[in-house]
Amino acid sequence: MVYETVDRQVDLLTRIKKTTKSRYHASSRLSFHHKLSQWIIAFISCGLIYISIAQIVGVDSQISAKELNLMQVTLAILILVYSLLLGQGNFISRSKDMYQNGVELGRLARKVEGHDGKMCNEKYESFIEEYYAVIDKYENHSDVDYQRTMLRYCKKYSFEYFKIFVFFVFLYVLNFSVYIYPLVIMFFCFNYIY
């Protein structure tokens, strides 16, 4: 019986733990996407309702009724497009799947941790197969989730930490930039109207 070295076992355990943390980060990010998408749609809807009420009440505006109607149509199209696009994102279901995958990987990590010292090649190979079977059942996490995990494994305030942090922030902002566009459009609409 050939035994694996402790280094390979530690490497496997580290890989499992990093993947587990990345899946939990992905679950959290996708859940935030879901909440933010709901708030954006509600915010655009409130803007649309506000314009309609302002027209009914007779609030003075700097633009004609035709232009106000055009803005209402634009906001209605924004609501429709965002509802469809964000609905296709299926964020809440994907978040639950990522969380479940993290739970399964956590169980596997505890099994591997239970083998202190050396383990035979057969057992090591079975853990590798189980690891890949678990991660193949679900979609992979995003690079932003992995970068967030890597921040925990870097020495704080080192150059490597700074590089990963900057890249993480860039990816995170890029990931949520889709929510900025309707806010900018609404800002310009309301500045133009009133």
Protein backbone atom coordinates (compact mmCIF):
# COMPACT_ATOMS: atom_id res chain seq x y z
CA MET A 1 0.00 0.00 0.00
CA VAL A 2 1.52 3.33 -1.10
CA TYR A 3 0.82 6.35 1.05
CA GLU A 4 0.44 9.93 -0.12
CA THR A 5 2.63 12.58 1.41
CA VAL A 6 1.13 15.03 3.84
CA ASP A 7 1.86 17.86 1.35
CA ARG A 8 -0.54 16.49 -1.26
CA GLN A 9 -3.21 15.96 1.38
CA VAL A 10 -2.75 19.54 2.62
CA ASP A 11 -2.84 20.77 -0.99
CA LEU A 12 -6.13 18.94 -1.58
CA LEU A 13 -7.61 20.30 1.63
CA THR A 14 -6.51 23.85 0.76
CA ARG A 15 -8.03 23.53 -2.71
CA ILE A 16 -11.32 22.28 -1.25
CA LYS A 17 -11.42 25.08 1.33
CA LYS A 18 -10.68 27.77 -1.27
CA THR A 19 -13.38 26.43 -3.56
CA THR A 20 -15.81 26.25 -0.63
CA LYS A 21 -15.16 29.87 0.36
CA SER A 22 -15.47 30.97 -3.27
CA ARG A 23 -18.84 29.22 -3.56
CA TYR A 24 -20.09 30.94 -0.39
CA HIS A 25 -18.86 34.29 -1.74
CA ALA A 26 -20.67 33.58 -5.03
CA SER A 27 -23.86 32.78 -3.12
CA SER A 28 -23.62 36.06 -1.24
CA ARG A 29 -22.88 38.06 -4.43
CA LEU A 30 -25.77 36.46 -6.35
CA SER A 31 -28.15 37.09 -3.46
CA PHE A 32 -27.07 40.75 -3.47
CA HIS A 33 -27.66 40.85 -7.25
CA HIS A 34 -31.20 39.61 -6.67
CA LYS A 35 -31.95 42.26 -4.04
CA LEU A 36 -30.37 45.04 -6.07
CA SER A 37 -32.23 44.08 -9.23
CA GLN A 38 -35.54 44.19 -7.37
CA TRP A 39 -34.73 47.62 -5.94
CA ILE A 40 -33.67 49.02 -9.32
CA ILE A 41 -36.92 47.91 -10.95
CA ALA A 42 -38.89 49.40 -8.05
CA PHE A 43 -36.93 52.66 -8.29
CA ILE A 44 -37.57 53.01 -12.04
CA SER A 45 -41.25 52.21 -11.46
CA CYS A 46 -41.45 54.95 -8.81
CA GLY A 47 -39.92 57.40 -11.30
CA LEU A 48 -42.52 56.44 -13.88
CA ILE A 49 -45.33 56.84 -11.36
CA TYR A 50 -43.94 60.19 -10.20
CA ILE A 51 -43.93 61.59 -13.75
CA SER A 52 -47.54 60.44 -14.25
CA ILE A 53 -48.71 61.97 -10.97
CA ALA A 54 -46.81 65.20 -11.66
CA GLN A 55 -48.62 65.50 -15.01
CA ILE A 56 -52.02 64.86 -13.42
CA VAL A 57 -51.46 67.32 -10.57
CA GLY A 58 -50.06 69.91 -12.96
CA VAL A 59 -46.55 70.37 -11.61
CA ASP A 60 -44.71 72.91 -13.73
CA SER A 61 -41.95 71.46 -15.84
CA GLN A 62 -39.54 72.88 -18.37
CA ILE A 63 -40.58 70.49 -21.15
CA SER A 64 -43.67 69.76 -23.18
CA ALA A 65 -46.22 67.04 -22.60
CA LYS A 66 -44.87 65.17 -25.66
CA GLU A 67 -41.39 65.05 -24.17
CA LEU A 68 -42.78 63.86 -20.83
CA ASN A 69 -44.65 61.10 -22.62
CA LEU A 70 -41.43 60.13 -24.39
CA MET A 71 -39.66 59.91 -21.02
CA GLN A 72 -42.49 57.76 -19.65
CA VAL A 73 -42.15 55.39 -22.58
CA THR A 74 -38.36 55.30 -22.08
CA LEU A 75 -38.76 54.42 -18.41
CA ALA A 76 -41.40 51.79 -19.24
CA ILE A 77 -38.99 50.23 -21.76
CA LEU A 78 -36.24 50.30 -19.12
CA ILE A 79 -38.51 48.45 -16.69
CA LEU A 80 -39.37 45.86 -19.31
CA VAL A 81 -35.76 45.33 -20.43
CA TYR A 82 -34.39 45.14 -16.88
CA SER A 83 -37.16 42.81 -15.77
CA LEU A 84 -36.42 40.43 -18.63
CA LEU A 85 -32.64 40.60 -18.37
CA LEU A 86 -32.53 40.27 -14.60
CA GLY A 87 -35.16 37.54 -14.65
CA GLN A 88 -32.93 35.53 -16.95
CA GLY A 89 -30.10 35.96 -14.44
CA ASN A 90 -32.05 33.70 -12.07
CA PHE A 91 -29.96 35.07 -9.20
CA ILE A 92 -31.82 33.60 -6.25
CA SER A 93 -31.80 30.04 -7.60
CA ARG A 94 -28.14 30.27 -8.54
CA SER A 95 -27.36 31.67 -5.09
CA LYS A 96 -29.02 28.70 -3.42
CA ASP A 97 -27.12 26.28 -5.68
CA MET A 98 -23.80 27.94 -4.83
CA TYR A 99 -24.61 27.75 -1.13
CA GLN A 100 -25.55 24.06 -1.41
CA ASN A 101 -22.31 23.37 -3.27
CA GLY A 102 -20.39 25.10 -0.48
CA VAL A 103 -22.11 22.89 2.09
CA GLU A 104 -21.19 19.72 0.16
CA LEU A 105 -17.60 20.87 -0.24
CA GLY A 106 -17.46 21.67 3.49
CA ARG A 107 -18.50 18.08 4.28
CA LEU A 108 -15.77 16.78 1.99
CA ALA A 109 -13.21 19.04 3.66
CA ARG A 110 -14.13 17.60 7.06
CA LYS A 111 -13.69 14.07 5.68
CA VAL A 112 -10.23 14.94 4.36
CA GLU A 113 -9.30 16.64 7.65
CA GLY A 114 -10.27 13.43 9.45
CA HIS A 115 -7.27 11.70 7.84
CA ASP A 116 -4.45 13.26 9.82
CA GLY A 117 -1.02 12.38 8.55
CA LYS A 118 -0.76 10.07 5.59
CA MET A 119 -3.50 8.44 3.56
CA CYS A 120 -3.23 5.69 0.98
CA ASN A 121 -3.24 6.56 -2.72
CA GLU A 122 -6.62 4.89 -3.21
CA LYS A 123 -8.24 7.05 -0.52
CA TYR A 124 -6.55 10.18 -1.89
CA GLU A 125 -7.80 9.39 -5.42
CA SER A 126 -11.32 8.76 -4.09
CA PHE A 127 -11.29 12.19 -2.42
CA ILE A 128 -10.10 13.79 -5.66
CA GLU A 129 -12.91 12.06 -7.57
CA GLU A 130 -15.45 13.11 -4.97
CA TYR A 131 -14.18 16.70 -5.12
CA TYR A 132 -14.62 16.87 -8.89
CA ALA A 133 -17.99 15.12 -8.71
CA VAL A 134 -19.23 17.75 -6.24
CA ILE A 135 -17.99 20.76 -8.21
CA ASP A 136 -19.23 19.36 -11.53
CA LYS A 137 -22.83 19.26 -10.24
CA TYR A 138 -23.06 23.06 -10.13
CA GLU A 139 -21.94 26.02 -12.20
CA ASN A 140 -18.56 27.49 -11.38
CA HIS A 141 -18.13 30.62 -9.31
CA SER A 142 -16.98 33.86 -10.90
CA ASP A 143 -13.43 35.18 -10.84
CA VAL A 144 -14.54 37.97 -8.50
CA ASP A 145 -15.50 35.34 -5.90
CA TYR A 146 -12.14 33.62 -6.22
CA GLN A 147 -10.28 36.93 -5.85
CA ARG A 148 -12.28 37.68 -2.70
CA THR A 149 -11.24 34.29 -1.33
CA MET A 150 -7.60 34.87 -2.23
CA LEU A 151 -7.60 38.06 -0.15
CA ARG A 152 -7.98 35.86 2.93
CA TYR A 153 -4.95 33.77 1.98
CA CYS A 154 -2.57 36.68 1.31
CA LYS A 155 -0.44 38.41 3.84
CA LYS A 156 -2.26 41.65 4.62
CA TYR A 157 -0.81 44.87 3.26
CA SER A 158 1.70 43.05 1.07
CA PHE A 159 2.13 43.92 -2.60
CA GLU A 160 0.35 40.69 -3.57
CA TYR A 161 -2.57 41.60 -1.30
CA PHE A 162 -2.77 45.06 -2.88
CA LYS A 163 -2.77 43.61 -6.44
CA ILE A 164 -5.53 41.13 -5.61
CA PHE A 165 -7.54 43.80 -3.77
CA VAL A 166 -7.41 46.22 -6.72
CA PHE A 167 -8.38 43.46 -9.15
CA PHE A 168 -11.20 42.33 -6.83
CA VAL A 169 -12.61 45.87 -6.56
CA PHE A 170 -12.40 46.31 -10.34
CA LEU A 171 -14.26 43.02 -10.95
CA TYR A 172 -16.86 43.79 -8.29
CA VAL A 173 -17.61 47.24 -9.70
CA LEU A 174 -17.74 45.79 -13.20
CA ASN A 175 -20.09 43.04 -12.01
CA PHE A 176 -22.57 45.54 -10.58
CA SER A 177 -22.14 48.32 -13.15
CA VAL A 178 -25.31 47.21 -14.94
CA TYR A 179 -27.29 48.84 -12.13
CA ILE A 180 -25.67 52.24 -12.62
CA TYR A 181 -27.11 52.87 -16.11
CA PRO A 182 -30.78 53.23 -15.15
CA LEU A 183 -29.86 55.48 -12.24
CA VAL A 184 -27.86 57.74 -14.55
CA ILE A 185 -30.71 57.82 -17.10
CA MET A 186 -33.23 58.70 -14.40
CA PHE A 187 -30.95 61.37 -12.96
CA PHE A 188 -30.68 63.10 -16.34
CA CYS A 189 -34.41 62.72 -17.01
CA PHE A 190 -35.39 64.38 -13.75
CA ASN A 191 -32.74 67.09 -14.07
CA TYR A 192 -34.05 67.83 -17.54
CA ILE A 193 -37.71 67.86 -16.47
CA TYR A 194 -37.60 69.92 -13.29
